[in-house]
């Protein structure tokens, strides 16, 4: 059986903003510094991230 393991945290490579996933809200929430509000966020979740667990 395969299990999908989605990311629980992400950080912007440009401004340093960190978001965490809150399942009760079913949404990402800013954790700490907001970063640059005009940043086009480049999240650190790349093609090397594999959400599939065996």
PDB file of N, CA and C in Angstrom:
ATOM      1  N   UNK A   1       0.839  -1.180   0.000  1.00  0.00           N
ATOM      2  CA  UNK A   1       0.000   0.000   0.000  1.00  0.00           C
ATOM      3  C   UNK A   1       0.889   1.250   0.000  1.00  0.00           C
ATOM      4  N   UNK A   2       0.465   2.260  -0.716  1.00  0.00           N
ATOM      5  CA  UNK A   2       1.210   3.512  -0.822  1.00  0.00           C
ATOM      6  C   UNK A   2       0.542   4.569   0.048  1.00  0.00           C
ATOM      7  N   UNK A   3       1.356   5.360   0.753  1.00  0.00           N
ATOM      8  CA  UNK A   3       0.855   6.443   1.591  1.00  0.00           C
ATOM      9  C   UNK A   3       1.373   7.766   1.058  1.00  0.00           C
ATOM     10  N   UNK A   4       0.495   8.747   0.920  1.00  0.00           N
ATOM     11  CA  UNK A   4       0.893  10.095   0.502  1.00  0.00           C
ATOM     12  C   UNK A   4       1.233  10.896   1.755  1.00  0.00           C
ATOM     13  N   UNK A   5       2.442  11.440   1.789  1.00  0.00           N
ATOM     14  CA  UNK A   5       2.928  12.213   2.921  1.00  0.00           C
ATOM     15  C   UNK A   5       3.166  13.657   2.462  1.00  0.00           C
ATOM     16  N   UNK A   6       2.150  14.524   2.527  1.00  0.00           N
ATOM     17  CA  UNK A   6       2.311  15.902   2.051  1.00  0.00           C
ATOM     18  C   UNK A   6       3.225  16.712   2.973  1.00  0.00           C
ATOM     19  N   UNK A   7       3.794  17.803   2.467  1.00  0.00           N
ATOM     20  CA  UNK A   7       4.649  18.641   3.312  1.00  0.00           C
ATOM     21  C   UNK A   7       3.842  19.291   4.431  1.00  0.00           C
ATOM     22  N   UNK A   8       4.459  19.503   5.572  1.00  0.00           N
ATOM     23  CA  UNK A   8       3.819  20.138   6.725  1.00  0.00           C
ATOM     24  C   UNK A   8       4.383  21.532   6.987  1.00  0.00           C
ATOM     25  N   UNK A   9       5.493  21.858   6.322  1.00  0.00           N
ATOM     26  CA  UNK A   9       6.142  23.158   6.496  1.00  0.00           C
ATOM     27  C   UNK A   9       6.798  23.544   5.182  1.00  0.00           C
ATOM     28  N   UNK A  10       6.834  24.846   4.914  1.00  0.00           N
ATOM     29  CA  UNK A  10       7.512  25.332   3.715  1.00  0.00           C
ATOM     30  C   UNK A  10       8.151  26.679   4.027  1.00  0.00           C
ATOM     31  N   UNK A  11       9.275  26.957   3.365  1.00  0.00           N
ATOM     32  CA  UNK A  11      10.007  28.201   3.574  1.00  0.00           C
ATOM     33  C   UNK A  11      10.305  28.820   2.219  1.00  0.00           C
ATOM     34  N   UNK A  12      10.104  30.123   2.111  1.00  0.00           N
ATOM     35  CA  UNK A  12      10.389  30.836   0.867  1.00  0.00           C
ATOM     36  C   UNK A  12      11.899  31.029   0.747  1.00  0.00           C
ATOM     37  N   UNK A  13      12.451  30.647  -0.408  1.00  0.00           N
ATOM     38  CA  UNK A  13      13.881  30.782  -0.668  1.00  0.00           C
ATOM     39  C   UNK A  13      14.275  32.242  -0.865  1.00  0.00           C
ATOM     40  N   UNK A  14      13.335  33.114  -1.168  1.00  0.00           N
ATOM     41  CA  UNK A  14      13.648  34.523  -1.450  1.00  0.00           C
ATOM     42  C   UNK A  14      13.579  35.408  -0.210  1.00  0.00           C
ATOM     43  N   UNK A  15      12.485  35.321   0.567  1.00  0.00           N
ATOM     44  CA  UNK A  15      12.297  36.268   1.676  1.00  0.00           C
ATOM     45  C   UNK A  15      12.368  35.621   3.055  1.00  0.00           C
ATOM     46  N   UNK A  16      12.430  34.287   3.123  1.00  0.00           N
ATOM     47  CA  UNK A  16      12.564  33.597   4.395  1.00  0.00           C
ATOM     48  C   UNK A  16      11.265  33.315   5.127  1.00  0.00           C
ATOM     49  N   UNK A  17      10.130  33.681   4.557  1.00  0.00           N
ATOM     50  CA  UNK A  17       8.835  33.414   5.195  1.00  0.00           C
ATOM     51  C   UNK A  17       8.640  31.912   5.378  1.00  0.00           C
ATOM     52  N   UNK A  18       8.135  31.502   6.540  1.00  0.00           N
ATOM     53  CA  UNK A  18       7.864  30.102   6.822  1.00  0.00           C
ATOM     54  C   UNK A  18       6.372  29.924   7.083  1.00  0.00           C
ATOM     55  N   UNK A  19       5.771  28.959   6.421  1.00  0.00           N
ATOM     56  CA  UNK A  19       4.369  28.605   6.618  1.00  0.00           C
ATOM     57  C   UNK A  19       4.294  27.184   7.156  1.00  0.00           C
ATOM     58  N   UNK A  20       3.269  26.912   7.948  1.00  0.00           N
ATOM     59  CA  UNK A  20       3.007  25.559   8.431  1.00  0.00           C
ATOM     60  C   UNK A  20       1.576  25.181   8.053  1.00  0.00           C
ATOM     61  N   UNK A  21       1.365  23.900   7.815  1.00  0.00           N
ATOM     62  CA  UNK A  21       0.042  23.395   7.457  1.00  0.00           C
ATOM     63  C   UNK A  21      -0.765  23.164   8.723  1.00  0.00           C
ATOM     64  N   UNK A  22      -1.986  23.710   8.763  1.00  0.00           N
ATOM     65  CA  UNK A  22      -2.879  23.480   9.895  1.00  0.00           C
ATOM     66  C   UNK A  22      -4.096  22.707   9.393  1.00  0.00           C
ATOM     67  N   UNK A  23      -4.150  21.418   9.716  1.00  0.00           N
ATOM     68  CA  UNK A  23      -5.238  20.570   9.203  1.00  0.00           C
ATOM     69  C   UNK A  23      -6.616  21.005   9.665  1.00  0.00           C
ATOM     70  N   UNK A  24      -6.730  21.566  10.872  1.00  0.00           N
ATOM     71  CA  UNK A  24      -8.051  21.996  11.339  1.00  0.00           C
ATOM     72  C   UNK A  24      -8.585  23.173  10.528  1.00  0.00           C
ATOM     73  N   UNK A  25      -7.695  23.960   9.925  1.00  0.00           N
ATOM     74  CA  UNK A  25      -8.103  25.066   9.047  1.00  0.00           C
ATOM     75  C   UNK A  25      -8.080  24.646   7.581  1.00  0.00           C
ATOM     76  N   UNK A  26      -7.416  23.499   7.323  1.00  0.00           N
ATOM     77  CA  UNK A  26      -7.241  23.020   5.964  1.00  0.00           C
ATOM     78  C   UNK A  26      -6.561  24.068   5.094  1.00  0.00           C
ATOM     79  N   UNK A  27      -5.495  24.701   5.664  1.00  0.00           N
ATOM     80  CA  UNK A  27      -4.820  25.795   4.980  1.00  0.00           C
ATOM     81  C   UNK A  27      -3.423  26.009   5.547  1.00  0.00           C
ATOM     82  N   UNK A  28      -2.566  26.706   4.768  1.00  0.00           N
ATOM     83  CA  UNK A  28      -1.247  27.122   5.233  1.00  0.00           C
ATOM     84  C   UNK A  28      -1.401  28.372   6.087  1.00  0.00           C
ATOM     85  N   UNK A  29      -0.598  28.468   7.171  1.00  0.00           N
ATOM     86  CA  UNK A  29      -0.640  29.604   8.082  1.00  0.00           C
ATOM     87  C   UNK A  29       0.796  30.099   8.277  1.00  0.00           C
ATOM     88  N   UNK A  30       0.977  31.426   8.254  1.00  0.00           N
ATOM     89  CA  UNK A  30       2.300  32.016   8.444  1.00  0.00           C
ATOM     90  C   UNK A  30       2.800  31.699   9.854  1.00  0.00           C
ATOM     91  N   UNK A  31       4.035  31.235   9.935  1.00  0.00           N
ATOM     92  CA  UNK A  31       4.647  30.874  11.208  1.00  0.00           C
ATOM     93  C   UNK A  31       5.818  31.827  11.467  1.00  0.00           C
ATOM     94  N   UNK A  32       5.592  32.837  12.269  1.00  0.00           N
ATOM     95  CA  UNK A  32       6.670  33.782  12.598  1.00  0.00           C
ATOM     96  C   UNK A  32       6.675  34.980  11.669  1.00  0.00           C
ATOM     97  N   UNK A  33       7.861  35.323  11.138  1.00  0.00           N
ATOM     98  CA  UNK A  33       8.045  36.501  10.294  1.00  0.00           C
ATOM     99  C   UNK A  33       7.246  36.370   8.998  1.00  0.00           C
ATOM    100  N   UNK A  34       6.531  37.427   8.642  1.00  0.00           N
ATOM    101  CA  UNK A  34       5.688  37.425   7.437  1.00  0.00           C
ATOM    102  C   UNK A  34       6.525  37.443   6.169  1.00  0.00           C
ATOM    103  N   UNK A  35       7.763  37.950   6.246  1.00  0.00           N
ATOM    104  CA  UNK A  35       8.593  38.059   5.051  1.00  0.00           C
ATOM    105  C   UNK A  35       8.176  39.266   4.240  1.00  0.00           C
ATOM    106  N   UNK A  36       8.510  39.282   2.989  1.00  0.00           N
ATOM    107  CA  UNK A  36       8.183  40.381   2.092  1.00  0.00           C
ATOM    108  C   UNK A  36       6.773  40.175   1.539  1.00  0.00           C
ATOM    109  N   UNK A  37       5.830  41.097   1.841  1.00  0.00           N
ATOM    110  CA  UNK A  37       4.455  40.895   1.369  1.00  0.00           C
ATOM    111  C   UNK A  37       4.319  40.952  -0.159  1.00  0.00           C
ATOM    112  N   UNK A  38       5.323  41.476  -0.860  1.00  0.00           N
ATOM    113  CA  UNK A  38       5.273  41.578  -2.320  1.00  0.00           C
ATOM    114  C   UNK A  38       6.097  40.495  -3.008  1.00  0.00           C
ATOM    115  N   UNK A  39       6.616  39.573  -2.216  1.00  0.00           N
ATOM    116  CA  UNK A  39       7.436  38.488  -2.761  1.00  0.00           C
ATOM    117  C   UNK A  39       6.567  37.499  -3.540  1.00  0.00           C
ATOM    118  N   UNK A  40       7.077  37.060  -4.693  1.00  0.00           N
ATOM    119  CA  UNK A  40       6.461  35.935  -5.406  1.00  0.00           C
ATOM    120  C   UNK A  40       7.165  34.709  -4.860  1.00  0.00           C
ATOM    121  N   UNK A  41       6.603  34.117  -3.830  1.00  0.00           N
ATOM    122  CA  UNK A  41       7.278  33.102  -3.036  1.00  0.00           C
ATOM    123  C   UNK A  41       7.787  31.931  -3.871  1.00  0.00           C
ATOM    124  N   UNK A  42       9.019  31.561  -3.594  1.00  0.00           N
ATOM    125  CA  UNK A  42       9.690  30.426  -4.210  1.00  0.00           C
ATOM    126  C   UNK A  42       9.890  29.407  -3.096  1.00  0.00           C
ATOM    127  N   UNK A  43       8.893  28.532  -2.897  1.00  0.00           N
ATOM    128  CA  UNK A  43       8.914  27.595  -1.780  1.00  0.00           C
ATOM    129  C   UNK A  43       9.990  26.548  -1.966  1.00  0.00           C
ATOM    130  N   UNK A  44      10.522  26.068  -0.854  1.00  0.00           N
ATOM    131  CA  UNK A  44      11.617  25.103  -0.864  1.00  0.00           C
ATOM    132  C   UNK A  44      11.165  23.671  -1.142  1.00  0.00           C
ATOM    133  N   UNK A  45       9.948  23.487  -1.586  1.00  0.00           N
ATOM    134  CA  UNK A  45       9.446  22.165  -1.955  1.00  0.00           C
ATOM    135  C   UNK A  45       9.718  22.005  -3.444  1.00  0.00           C
ATOM    136  N   UNK A  46      10.704  21.196  -3.780  1.00  0.00           N
ATOM    137  CA  UNK A  46      11.174  21.073  -5.154  1.00  0.00           C
ATOM    138  C   UNK A  46      10.875  19.685  -5.712  1.00  0.00           C
ATOM    139  N   UNK A  47      11.378  19.436  -6.887  1.00  0.00           N
ATOM    140  CA  UNK A  47      11.196  18.143  -7.526  1.00  0.00           C
ATOM    141  C   UNK A  47      11.868  17.000  -6.781  1.00  0.00           C
ATOM    142  N   UNK A  48      12.803  17.331  -5.888  1.00  0.00           N
ATOM    143  CA  UNK A  48      13.461  16.283  -5.116  1.00  0.00           C
ATOM    144  C   UNK A  48      12.591  15.796  -3.954  1.00  0.00           C
ATOM    145  N   UNK A  49      11.534  16.558  -3.615  1.00  0.00           N
ATOM    146  CA  UNK A  49      10.616  16.147  -2.550  1.00  0.00           C
ATOM    147  C   UNK A  49       9.719  15.034  -3.081  1.00  0.00           C
ATOM    148  N   UNK A  50       9.646  13.934  -2.371  1.00  0.00           N
ATOM    149  CA  UNK A  50       8.826  12.807  -2.787  1.00  0.00           C
ATOM    150  C   UNK A  50       7.740  12.557  -1.737  1.00  0.00           C
ATOM    151  N   UNK A  51       6.480  12.860  -2.042  1.00  0.00           N
ATOM    152  CA  UNK A  51       5.403  12.688  -1.056  1.00  0.00           C
ATOM    153  C   UNK A  51       4.914  11.241  -0.914  1.00  0.00           C
ATOM    154  N   UNK A  52       5.455  10.323  -1.697  1.00  0.00           N
ATOM    155  CA  UNK A  52       4.970   8.945  -1.679  1.00  0.00           C
ATOM    156  C   UNK A  52       5.856   8.093  -0.774  1.00  0.00           C
ATOM    157  N   UNK A  53       5.203   7.438   0.206  1.00  0.00           N
ATOM    158  CA  UNK A  53       5.877   6.486   1.086  1.00  0.00           C
ATOM    159  C   UNK A  53       5.401   5.092   0.751  1.00  0.00           C
ATOM    160  N   UNK A  54       6.287   4.139   0.823  1.00  0.00           N
ATOM    161  CA  UNK A  54       5.891   2.749   0.545  1.00  0.00           C
ATOM    162  C   UNK A  54       5.798   1.968   1.816  1.00  0.00           C
TER     163      UNK A  54
END
